[in-house]
């Protein structure tokens, strides 16, 4: 990060005081780096709070999730969802033989 990136929020706060900045996870991490700079310059560090977030699941999507026995939290790792669906679609003979050596 260049100095202009780290100084911008400090200068903005000095020119246009902000009670609180509402940001996402990346912005919160970014603002954590600003406090030492603000302290060095003798200006108040911007305060930041996490923004509110929500997931809206439409009824037809909820039906698909129910049919696949999935919850919204399962998508934190989308590759796990893919793997779970792929494993479930394998014929039983293949899924139980995965621990044995295949004969070609």
Protein backbone atom coordinates (compact mmCIF):
# COMPACT_ATOMS: atom_id res chain seq x y z
CA UNK A 1 0.00 0.00 0.00
CA UNK A 2 1.21 3.44 -0.85
CA UNK A 3 1.18 6.30 1.64
CA UNK A 4 -1.76 7.97 -0.13
CA UNK A 5 -3.92 4.89 0.48
CA UNK A 6 -3.23 4.87 4.20
CA UNK A 7 -3.38 8.64 4.63
CA UNK A 8 -6.65 9.17 2.75
CA UNK A 9 -9.03 8.09 5.55
CA UNK A 10 -7.01 10.02 8.14
CA UNK A 11 -7.07 13.21 6.07
CA UNK A 12 -10.75 12.71 5.22
CA UNK A 13 -11.58 12.44 8.90
CA UNK A 14 -9.59 15.61 9.68
CA UNK A 15 -11.41 17.56 6.94
CA UNK A 16 -14.86 15.97 7.22
CA UNK A 17 -15.31 14.45 10.68
CA UNK A 18 -17.21 11.16 10.63
CA UNK A 19 -18.88 9.72 13.71
CA UNK A 20 -18.44 6.12 12.55
CA UNK A 21 -17.55 4.36 9.32
CA UNK A 22 -19.58 1.26 8.53
CA UNK A 23 -17.62 -1.29 6.54
CA UNK A 24 -17.20 -4.88 5.50
CA UNK A 25 -14.53 -7.35 6.63
CA UNK A 26 -11.89 -6.13 4.17
CA UNK A 27 -12.47 -2.50 5.09
CA UNK A 28 -12.25 -3.30 8.79
CA UNK A 29 -8.88 -5.00 8.20
CA UNK A 30 -7.75 -2.02 6.12
CA UNK A 31 -8.77 0.46 8.83
CA UNK A 32 -6.83 -1.54 11.43
CA UNK A 33 -3.66 -0.42 9.64
CA UNK A 34 -4.65 3.25 9.84
CA UNK A 35 -4.67 3.67 13.64
CA UNK A 36 -0.86 3.94 14.01
CA UNK A 37 -0.72 6.56 11.25
CA UNK A 38 -3.49 8.61 12.84
CA UNK A 39 -1.75 8.35 16.21
CA UNK A 40 1.57 9.50 14.70
CA UNK A 41 -0.13 12.49 13.05
CA UNK A 42 -2.00 13.30 16.25
CA UNK A 43 -5.46 13.01 14.72
CA UNK A 44 -8.29 10.77 15.88
CA UNK A 45 -8.40 7.41 14.18
CA UNK A 46 -11.59 6.75 12.26
CA UNK A 47 -13.94 4.50 14.19
CA UNK A 48 -15.38 1.61 12.22
CA UNK A 49 -18.14 -0.91 12.87
CA UNK A 50 -19.15 -3.96 10.83
CA UNK A 51 -21.96 -3.42 8.39
CA UNK A 52 -25.19 -5.34 8.67
CA UNK A 53 -25.56 -8.20 6.26
CA UNK A 54 -28.23 -10.72 5.41
CA UNK A 55 -29.03 -13.40 2.90
CA UNK A 56 -32.39 -13.43 1.23
CA UNK A 57 -33.41 -16.85 0.01
CA UNK A 58 -36.22 -16.96 -2.51
CA UNK A 59 -38.84 -19.71 -2.07
CA UNK A 60 -37.79 -21.65 -5.19
CA UNK A 61 -34.15 -21.60 -4.04
CA UNK A 62 -35.20 -22.78 -0.58
CA UNK A 63 -36.96 -25.77 -2.18
CA UNK A 64 -33.79 -26.68 -4.06
CA UNK A 65 -31.71 -26.38 -0.88
CA UNK A 66 -34.19 -28.60 0.98
CA UNK A 67 -34.15 -31.18 -1.81
CA UNK A 68 -30.34 -31.29 -1.73
CA UNK A 69 -30.22 -31.23 2.10
CA UNK A 70 -28.17 -28.03 2.05
CA UNK A 71 -28.18 -24.99 4.30
CA UNK A 72 -26.94 -21.51 3.36
CA UNK A 73 -23.94 -21.98 5.67
CA UNK A 74 -22.81 -24.93 3.53
CA UNK A 75 -21.79 -22.47 0.82
CA UNK A 76 -19.00 -20.93 2.88
CA UNK A 77 -16.87 -23.50 1.06
CA UNK A 78 -18.56 -23.92 -2.35
CA UNK A 79 -16.22 -26.74 -3.35
CA UNK A 80 -17.47 -28.82 -0.44
CA UNK A 81 -21.04 -28.47 -1.74
CA UNK A 82 -19.93 -29.62 -5.19
CA UNK A 83 -18.05 -32.57 -3.71
CA UNK A 84 -20.98 -33.57 -1.49
CA UNK A 85 -23.42 -33.53 -4.42
CA UNK A 86 -20.97 -35.46 -6.60
CA UNK A 87 -20.45 -38.12 -3.91
CA UNK A 88 -24.20 -38.45 -3.41
CA UNK A 89 -24.73 -39.02 -7.14
CA UNK A 90 -22.20 -41.86 -7.38
CA UNK A 91 -23.59 -45.37 -7.62
CA UNK A 92 -23.37 -47.13 -4.26
CA UNK A 93 -20.97 -49.74 -5.68
CA UNK A 94 -18.47 -46.98 -6.60
CA UNK A 95 -18.78 -45.01 -3.41
CA UNK A 96 -18.16 -48.06 -1.20
CA UNK A 97 -15.25 -49.28 -3.32
CA UNK A 98 -13.33 -46.03 -3.02
CA UNK A 99 -11.28 -47.42 -0.16
CA UNK A 100 -10.26 -50.49 -2.17
CA UNK A 101 -7.87 -50.48 -5.11
CA UNK A 102 -9.50 -50.26 -8.48
CA UNK A 103 -8.86 -53.07 -10.96
CA UNK A 104 -8.31 -51.90 -14.49
